[in-house]
Amino acid sequence: GGFGLLVVIDHGDGYTTYYGHLAQLLVEVGQFVEIGQVIALSGNTGLSTGPHLHFEVRCEGVTVDPLSVLP
């Protein structure tokens, strides 16, 4: 897909975060993750023009401004 290798974290209350274009995944589907845990290595997979991290926050499936929800 467009995101290439992708990790999606479900934070509860309808919030999910997306981490895309990754080079290597370090977590598995259904795995519990902790704050500060390395979940992947950034890369250039999917529809990407160079190495970078695509970070996205969604609420109930709708993309929202990360600055409106992150501390």
PDB file of N, CA and C in Angstrom:
ATOM      1  N   GLY A   1       0.810  -1.203   0.000  1.00  0.00           N
ATOM      2  CA  GLY A   1       0.000   0.000   0.000  1.00  0.00           C
ATOM      3  C   GLY A   1       0.841   1.249   0.000  1.00  0.00           C
ATOM      4  N   GLY A   2       0.184   2.362   0.049  1.00  0.00           N
ATOM      5  CA  GLY A   2       0.845   3.657   0.009  1.00  0.00           C
ATOM      6  C   GLY A   2       1.777   3.915   1.172  1.00  0.00           C
ATOM      7  N   PHE A   3       1.435   3.374   2.353  1.00  0.00           N
ATOM      8  CA  PHE A   3       2.271   3.593   3.535  1.00  0.00           C
ATOM      9  C   PHE A   3       3.459   2.645   3.589  1.00  0.00           C
ATOM     10  N   GLY A   4       3.502   1.633   2.724  1.00  0.00           N
ATOM     11  CA  GLY A   4       4.557   0.637   2.815  1.00  0.00           C
ATOM     12  C   GLY A   4       4.412  -0.147   4.107  1.00  0.00           C
ATOM     13  N   LEU A   5       5.526  -0.483   4.726  1.00  0.00           N
ATOM     14  CA  LEU A   5       5.466  -1.152   6.028  1.00  0.00           C
ATOM     15  C   LEU A   5       4.882  -0.170   7.032  1.00  0.00           C
ATOM     16  N   LEU A   6       3.894  -0.643   7.797  1.00  0.00           N
ATOM     17  CA  LEU A   6       3.087   0.245   8.631  1.00  0.00           C
ATOM     18  C   LEU A   6       2.841  -0.371   9.998  1.00  0.00           C
ATOM     19  N   VAL A   7       2.917   0.462  11.039  1.00  0.00           N
ATOM     20  CA  VAL A   7       2.488   0.082  12.385  1.00  0.00           C
ATOM     21  C   VAL A   7       1.338   1.001  12.757  1.00  0.00           C
ATOM     22  N   VAL A   8       0.252   0.416  13.253  1.00  0.00           N
ATOM     23  CA  VAL A   8      -0.883   1.183  13.761  1.00  0.00           C
ATOM     24  C   VAL A   8      -1.042   0.824  15.232  1.00  0.00           C
ATOM     25  N   ILE A   9      -1.059   1.841  16.084  1.00  0.00           N
ATOM     26  CA  ILE A   9      -1.238   1.621  17.521  1.00  0.00           C
ATOM     27  C   ILE A   9      -2.611   2.130  17.927  1.00  0.00           C
ATOM     28  N   ASP A  10      -3.364   1.267  18.597  1.00  0.00           N
ATOM     29  CA  ASP A  10      -4.686   1.618  19.126  1.00  0.00           C
ATOM     30  C   ASP A  10      -4.501   2.112  20.555  1.00  0.00           C
ATOM     31  N   HIS A  11      -4.810   3.384  20.780  1.00  0.00           N
ATOM     32  CA  HIS A  11      -4.634   4.001  22.096  1.00  0.00           C
ATOM     33  C   HIS A  11      -5.910   3.969  22.927  1.00  0.00           C
ATOM     34  N   GLY A  12      -6.985   3.418  22.381  1.00  0.00           N
ATOM     35  CA  GLY A  12      -8.270   3.417  23.076  1.00  0.00           C
ATOM     36  C   GLY A  12      -9.005   4.730  22.861  1.00  0.00           C
ATOM     37  N   ASP A  13     -10.242   4.780  23.296  1.00  0.00           N
ATOM     38  CA  ASP A  13     -11.088   5.973  23.152  1.00  0.00           C
ATOM     39  C   ASP A  13     -11.174   6.452  21.709  1.00  0.00           C
ATOM     40  N   GLY A  14     -11.009   5.540  20.740  1.00  0.00           N
ATOM     41  CA  GLY A  14     -11.140   5.888  19.333  1.00  0.00           C
ATOM     42  C   GLY A  14      -9.884   6.432  18.683  1.00  0.00           C
ATOM     43  N   TYR A  15      -8.790   6.565  19.438  1.00  0.00           N
ATOM     44  CA  TYR A  15      -7.556   7.146  18.895  1.00  0.00           C
ATOM     45  C   TYR A  15      -6.588   6.069  18.426  1.00  0.00           C
ATOM     46  N   THR A  16      -6.027   6.286  17.228  1.00  0.00           N
ATOM     47  CA  THR A  16      -4.984   5.427  16.684  1.00  0.00           C
ATOM     48  C   THR A  16      -3.874   6.307  16.128  1.00  0.00           C
ATOM     49  N   THR A  17      -2.647   5.795  16.160  1.00  0.00           N
ATOM     50  CA  THR A  17      -1.539   6.481  15.509  1.00  0.00           C
ATOM     51  C   THR A  17      -0.953   5.560  14.452  1.00  0.00           C
ATOM     52  N   TYR A  18      -0.564   6.171  13.334  1.00  0.00           N
ATOM     53  CA  TYR A  18      -0.028   5.457  12.183  1.00  0.00           C
ATOM     54  C   TYR A  18       1.429   5.865  11.982  1.00  0.00           C
ATOM     55  N   TYR A  19       2.269   4.858  11.744  1.00  0.00           N
ATOM     56  CA  TYR A  19       3.690   5.072  11.496  1.00  0.00           C
ATOM     57  C   TYR A  19       4.008   4.343  10.197  1.00  0.00           C
ATOM     58  N   GLY A  20       4.303   5.085   9.132  1.00  0.00           N
ATOM     59  CA  GLY A  20       4.436   4.469   7.822  1.00  0.00           C
ATOM     60  C   GLY A  20       5.780   4.688   7.154  1.00  0.00           C
ATOM     61  N   HIS A  21       5.995   3.970   6.048  1.00  0.00           N
ATOM     62  CA  HIS A  21       7.207   3.977   5.228  1.00  0.00           C
ATOM     63  C   HIS A  21       8.390   3.380   5.989  1.00  0.00           C
ATOM     64  N   LEU A  22       8.114   2.399   6.827  1.00  0.00           N
ATOM     65  CA  LEU A  22       9.117   1.828   7.719  1.00  0.00           C
ATOM     66  C   LEU A  22      10.016   0.825   7.002  1.00  0.00           C
ATOM     67  N   ALA A  23      11.247   0.717   7.464  1.00  0.00           N
ATOM     68  CA  ALA A  23      12.199  -0.241   6.896  1.00  0.00           C
ATOM     69  C   ALA A  23      12.072  -1.610   7.549  1.00  0.00           C
ATOM     70  N   GLN A  24      11.787  -1.610   8.857  1.00  0.00           N
ATOM     71  CA  GLN A  24      11.706  -2.879   9.594  1.00  0.00           C
ATOM     72  C   GLN A  24      10.733  -2.723  10.752  1.00  0.00           C
ATOM     73  N   LEU A  25       9.846  -3.708  10.900  1.00  0.00           N
ATOM     74  CA  LEU A  25       8.900  -3.715  12.011  1.00  0.00           C
ATOM     75  C   LEU A  25       9.512  -4.475  13.179  1.00  0.00           C
ATOM     76  N   LEU A  26       9.374  -3.930  14.381  1.00  0.00           N
ATOM     77  CA  LEU A  26       9.934  -4.566  15.572  1.00  0.00           C
ATOM     78  C   LEU A  26       8.850  -5.023  16.536  1.00  0.00           C
ATOM     79  N   VAL A  27       7.589  -4.946  16.102  1.00  0.00           N
ATOM     80  CA  VAL A  27       6.448  -5.405  16.891  1.00  0.00           C
ATOM     81  C   VAL A  27       5.570  -6.281  16.010  1.00  0.00           C
ATOM     82  N   GLU A  28       4.670  -7.027  16.652  1.00  0.00           N
ATOM     83  CA  GLU A  28       3.764  -7.917  15.934  1.00  0.00           C
ATOM     84  C   GLU A  28       2.323  -7.488  16.154  1.00  0.00           C
ATOM     85  N   VAL A  29       1.448  -7.916  15.275  1.00  0.00           N
ATOM     86  CA  VAL A  29       0.022  -7.619  15.394  1.00  0.00           C
ATOM     87  C   VAL A  29      -0.489  -8.106  16.744  1.00  0.00           C
ATOM     88  N   GLY A  30      -1.204  -7.233  17.450  1.00  0.00           N
ATOM     89  CA  GLY A  30      -1.790  -7.583  18.732  1.00  0.00           C
ATOM     90  C   GLY A  30      -0.869  -7.410  19.925  1.00  0.00           C
ATOM     91  N   GLN A  31       0.383  -7.081  19.672  1.00  0.00           N
ATOM     92  CA  GLN A  31       1.354  -6.926  20.757  1.00  0.00           C
ATOM     93  C   GLN A  31       1.086  -5.649  21.545  1.00  0.00           C
ATOM     94  N   PHE A  32       1.178  -5.712  22.869  1.00  0.00           N
ATOM     95  CA  PHE A  32       1.093  -4.538  23.729  1.00  0.00           C
ATOM     96  C   PHE A  32       2.423  -3.805  23.655  1.00  0.00           C
ATOM     97  N   VAL A  33       2.384  -2.489  23.494  1.00  0.00           N
ATOM     98  CA  VAL A  33       3.610  -1.689  23.463  1.00  0.00           C
ATOM     99  C   VAL A  33       3.587  -0.684  24.606  1.00  0.00           C
ATOM    100  N   GLU A  34       4.774  -0.289  25.019  1.00  0.00           N
ATOM    101  CA  GLU A  34       4.914   0.641  26.132  1.00  0.00           C
ATOM    102  C   GLU A  34       5.504   1.961  25.661  1.00  0.00           C
ATOM    103  N   ILE A  35       5.265   3.017  26.423  1.00  0.00           N
ATOM    104  CA  ILE A  35       5.834   4.327  26.118  1.00  0.00           C
ATOM    105  C   ILE A  35       7.350   4.194  26.031  1.00  0.00           C
ATOM    106  N   GLY A  36       7.929   4.735  24.967  1.00  0.00           N
ATOM    107  CA  GLY A  36       9.372   4.711  24.779  1.00  0.00           C
ATOM    108  C   GLY A  36       9.901   3.494  24.056  1.00  0.00           C
ATOM    109  N   GLN A  37       9.053   2.497  23.822  1.00  0.00           N
ATOM    110  CA  GLN A  37       9.481   1.278  23.137  1.00  0.00           C
ATOM    111  C   GLN A  37       9.734   1.567  21.665  1.00  0.00           C
ATOM    112  N   VAL A  38      10.830   1.054  21.133  1.00  0.00           N
ATOM    113  CA  VAL A  38      11.105   1.167  19.699  1.00  0.00           C
ATOM    114  C   VAL A  38      10.214   0.164  18.983  1.00  0.00           C
ATOM    115  N   ILE A  39       9.363   0.656  18.065  1.00  0.00           N
ATOM    116  CA  ILE A  39       8.398  -0.198  17.375  1.00  0.00           C
ATOM    117  C   ILE A  39       8.809  -0.535  15.948  1.00  0.00           C
ATOM    118  N   ALA A  40       9.737   0.263  15.381  1.00  0.00           N
ATOM    119  CA  ALA A  40      10.133   0.053  13.990  1.00  0.00           C
ATOM    120  C   ALA A  40      11.355   0.898  13.677  1.00  0.00           C
ATOM    121  N   LEU A  41      11.917   0.649  12.488  1.00  0.00           N
ATOM    122  CA  LEU A  41      12.998   1.475  11.968  1.00  0.00           C
ATOM    123  C   LEU A  41      12.473   2.238  10.764  1.00  0.00           C
ATOM    124  N   SER A  42      12.760   3.520  10.713  1.00  0.00           N
ATOM    125  CA  SER A  42      12.284   4.378   9.630  1.00  0.00           C
ATOM    126  C   SER A  42      12.891   3.942   8.304  1.00  0.00           C
ATOM    127  N   GLY A  43      12.150   4.181   7.218  1.00  0.00           N
ATOM    128  CA  GLY A  43      12.652   3.739   5.929  1.00  0.00           C
ATOM    129  C   GLY A  43      12.052   4.480   4.757  1.00  0.00           C
ATOM    130  N   ASN A  44      11.897   3.743   3.649  1.00  0.00           N
ATOM    131  CA  ASN A  44      11.480   4.332   2.380  1.00  0.00           C
ATOM    132  C   ASN A  44      10.592   3.351   1.620  1.00  0.00           C
ATOM    133  N   THR A  45       9.670   2.673   2.318  1.00  0.00           N
ATOM    134  CA  THR A  45       8.803   1.692   1.669  1.00  0.00           C
ATOM    135  C   THR A  45       7.492   2.342   1.252  1.00  0.00           C
ATOM    136  N   GLY A  46       6.784   1.686   0.347  1.00  0.00           N
ATOM    137  CA  GLY A  46       5.506   2.210  -0.138  1.00  0.00           C
ATOM    138  C   GLY A  46       5.711   3.344  -1.121  1.00  0.00           C
ATOM    139  N   LEU A  47       4.707   4.206  -1.229  1.00  0.00           N
ATOM    140  CA  LEU A  47       4.775   5.347  -2.142  1.00  0.00           C
ATOM    141  C   LEU A  47       5.527   6.475  -1.449  1.00  0.00           C
ATOM    142  N   SER A  48       6.845   6.441  -1.578  1.00  0.00           N
ATOM    143  CA  SER A  48       7.722   7.367  -0.868  1.00  0.00           C
ATOM    144  C   SER A  48       8.830   7.824  -1.798  1.00  0.00           C
ATOM    145  N   THR A  49       9.244   9.083  -1.664  1.00  0.00           N
ATOM    146  CA  THR A  49      10.313   9.614  -2.515  1.00  0.00           C
ATOM    147  C   THR A  49      11.660   9.655  -1.807  1.00  0.00           C
ATOM    148  N   GLY A  50      11.691   9.235  -0.543  1.00  0.00           N
ATOM    149  CA  GLY A  50      12.932   9.204   0.215  1.00  0.00           C
ATOM    150  C   GLY A  50      12.657   8.740   1.633  1.00  0.00           C
ATOM    151  N   PRO A  51      13.700   8.375   2.358  1.00  0.00           N
ATOM    152  CA  PRO A  51      13.525   7.888   3.726  1.00  0.00           C
ATOM    153  C   PRO A  51      12.888   8.941   4.626  1.00  0.00           C
ATOM    154  N   HIS A  52      11.841   8.562   5.319  1.00  0.00           N
ATOM    155  CA  HIS A  52      11.172   9.439   6.286  1.00  0.00           C
ATOM    156  C   HIS A  52      10.138   8.632   7.052  1.00  0.00           C
ATOM    157  N   LEU A  53       9.605   9.230   8.094  1.00  0.00           N
ATOM    158  CA  LEU A  53       8.527   8.623   8.866  1.00  0.00           C
ATOM    159  C   LEU A  53       7.237   9.372   8.573  1.00  0.00           C
ATOM    160  N   HIS A  54       6.204   8.644   8.186  1.00  0.00           N
ATOM    161  CA  HIS A  54       4.862   9.226   8.087  1.00  0.00           C
ATOM    162  C   HIS A  54       4.192   8.977   9.424  1.00  0.00           C
ATOM    163  N   PHE A  55       3.821  10.051  10.127  1.00  0.00           N
ATOM    164  CA  PHE A  55       3.141   9.956  11.418  1.00  0.00           C
ATOM    165  C   PHE A  55       1.768  10.587  11.271  1.00  0.00           C
ATOM    166  N   GLU A  56       0.758   9.864  11.720  1.00  0.00           N
ATOM    167  CA  GLU A  56      -0.620  10.345  11.576  1.00  0.00           C
ATOM    168  C   GLU A  56      -1.418   9.947  12.808  1.00  0.00           C
ATOM    169  N   VAL A  57      -2.282  10.849  13.265  1.00  0.00           N
ATOM    170  CA  VAL A  57      -3.193  10.567  14.375  1.00  0.00           C
ATOM    171  C   VAL A  57      -4.605  10.556  13.817  1.00  0.00           C
ATOM    172  N   ARG A  58      -5.372   9.546  14.195  1.00  0.00           N
ATOM    173  CA  ARG A  58      -6.777   9.472  13.786  1.00  0.00           C
ATOM    174  C   ARG A  58      -7.660   9.306  15.014  1.00  0.00           C
ATOM    175  N   CYS A  59      -8.834   9.920  14.943  1.00  0.00           N
ATOM    176  CA  CYS A  59      -9.849   9.764  15.980  1.00  0.00           C
ATOM    177  C   CYS A  59     -11.101   9.250  15.294  1.00  0.00           C
ATOM    178  N   GLU A  60     -11.546   8.059  15.699  1.00  0.00           N
ATOM    179  CA  GLU A  60     -12.699   7.407  15.056  1.00  0.00           C
ATOM    180  C   GLU A  60     -12.488   7.309  13.543  1.00  0.00           C
ATOM    181  N   GLY A  61     -11.237   7.082  13.123  1.00  0.00           N
ATOM    182  CA  GLY A  61     -10.910   6.895  11.717  1.00  0.00           C
ATOM    183  C   GLY A  61     -10.686   8.168  10.930  1.00  0.00           C
ATOM    184  N   VAL A  62     -10.854   9.332  11.564  1.00  0.00           N
ATOM    185  CA  VAL A  62     -10.677  10.619  10.886  1.00  0.00           C
ATOM    186  C   VAL A  62      -9.327  11.212  11.286  1.00  0.00           C
ATOM    187  N   THR A  63      -8.525  11.612  10.292  1.00  0.00           N
ATOM    188  CA  THR A  63      -7.227  12.216  10.566  1.00  0.00           C
ATOM    189  C   THR A  63      -7.407  13.536  11.305  1.00  0.00           C
ATOM    190  N   VAL A  64      -6.630  13.716  12.386  1.00  0.00           N
ATOM    191  CA  VAL A  64      -6.688  14.953  13.168  1.00  0.00           C
ATOM    192  C   VAL A  64      -5.285  15.537  13.308  1.00  0.00           C
ATOM    193  N   ASP A  65      -5.209  16.823  13.611  1.00  0.00           N
ATOM    194  CA  ASP A  65      -3.944  17.509  13.830  1.00  0.00           C
ATOM    195  C   ASP A  65      -3.291  16.937  15.091  1.00  0.00           C
ATOM    196  N   PRO A  66      -2.092  16.351  14.977  1.00  0.00           N
ATOM    197  CA  PRO A  66      -1.443  15.771  16.159  1.00  0.00           C
ATOM    198  C   PRO A  66      -1.265  16.781  17.295  1.00  0.00           C
ATOM    199  N   LEU A  67      -1.039  18.039  16.966  1.00  0.00           N
ATOM    200  CA  LEU A  67      -0.830  19.049  18.007  1.00  0.00           C
ATOM    201  C   LEU A  67      -2.073  19.274  18.851  1.00  0.00           C
ATOM    202  N   SER A  68      -3.235  18.879  18.326  1.00  0.00           N
ATOM    203  CA  SER A  68      -4.474  19.071  19.083  1.00  0.00           C
ATOM    204  C   SER A  68      -4.704  17.974  20.121  1.00  0.00           C
ATOM    205  N   VAL A  69      -3.935  16.882  20.041  1.00  0.00           N
ATOM    206  CA  VAL A  69      -4.173  15.757  20.956  1.00  0.00           C
ATOM    207  C   VAL A  69      -2.942  15.286  21.724  1.00  0.00           C
ATOM    208  N   LEU A  70      -1.757  15.667  21.281  1.00  0.00           N
ATOM    209  CA  LEU A  70      -0.542  15.222  21.965  1.00  0.00           C
ATOM    210  C   LEU A  70      -0.165  16.212  23.057  1.00  0.00           C
ATOM    211  N   PRO A  71       0.420  15.707  24.153  1.00  0.00           N
ATOM    212  CA  PRO A  71       0.800  16.614  25.254  1.00  0.00           C
ATOM    213  C   PRO A  71       1.938  17.547  24.870  1.00  0.00           C
TER     214      PRO A  71
END
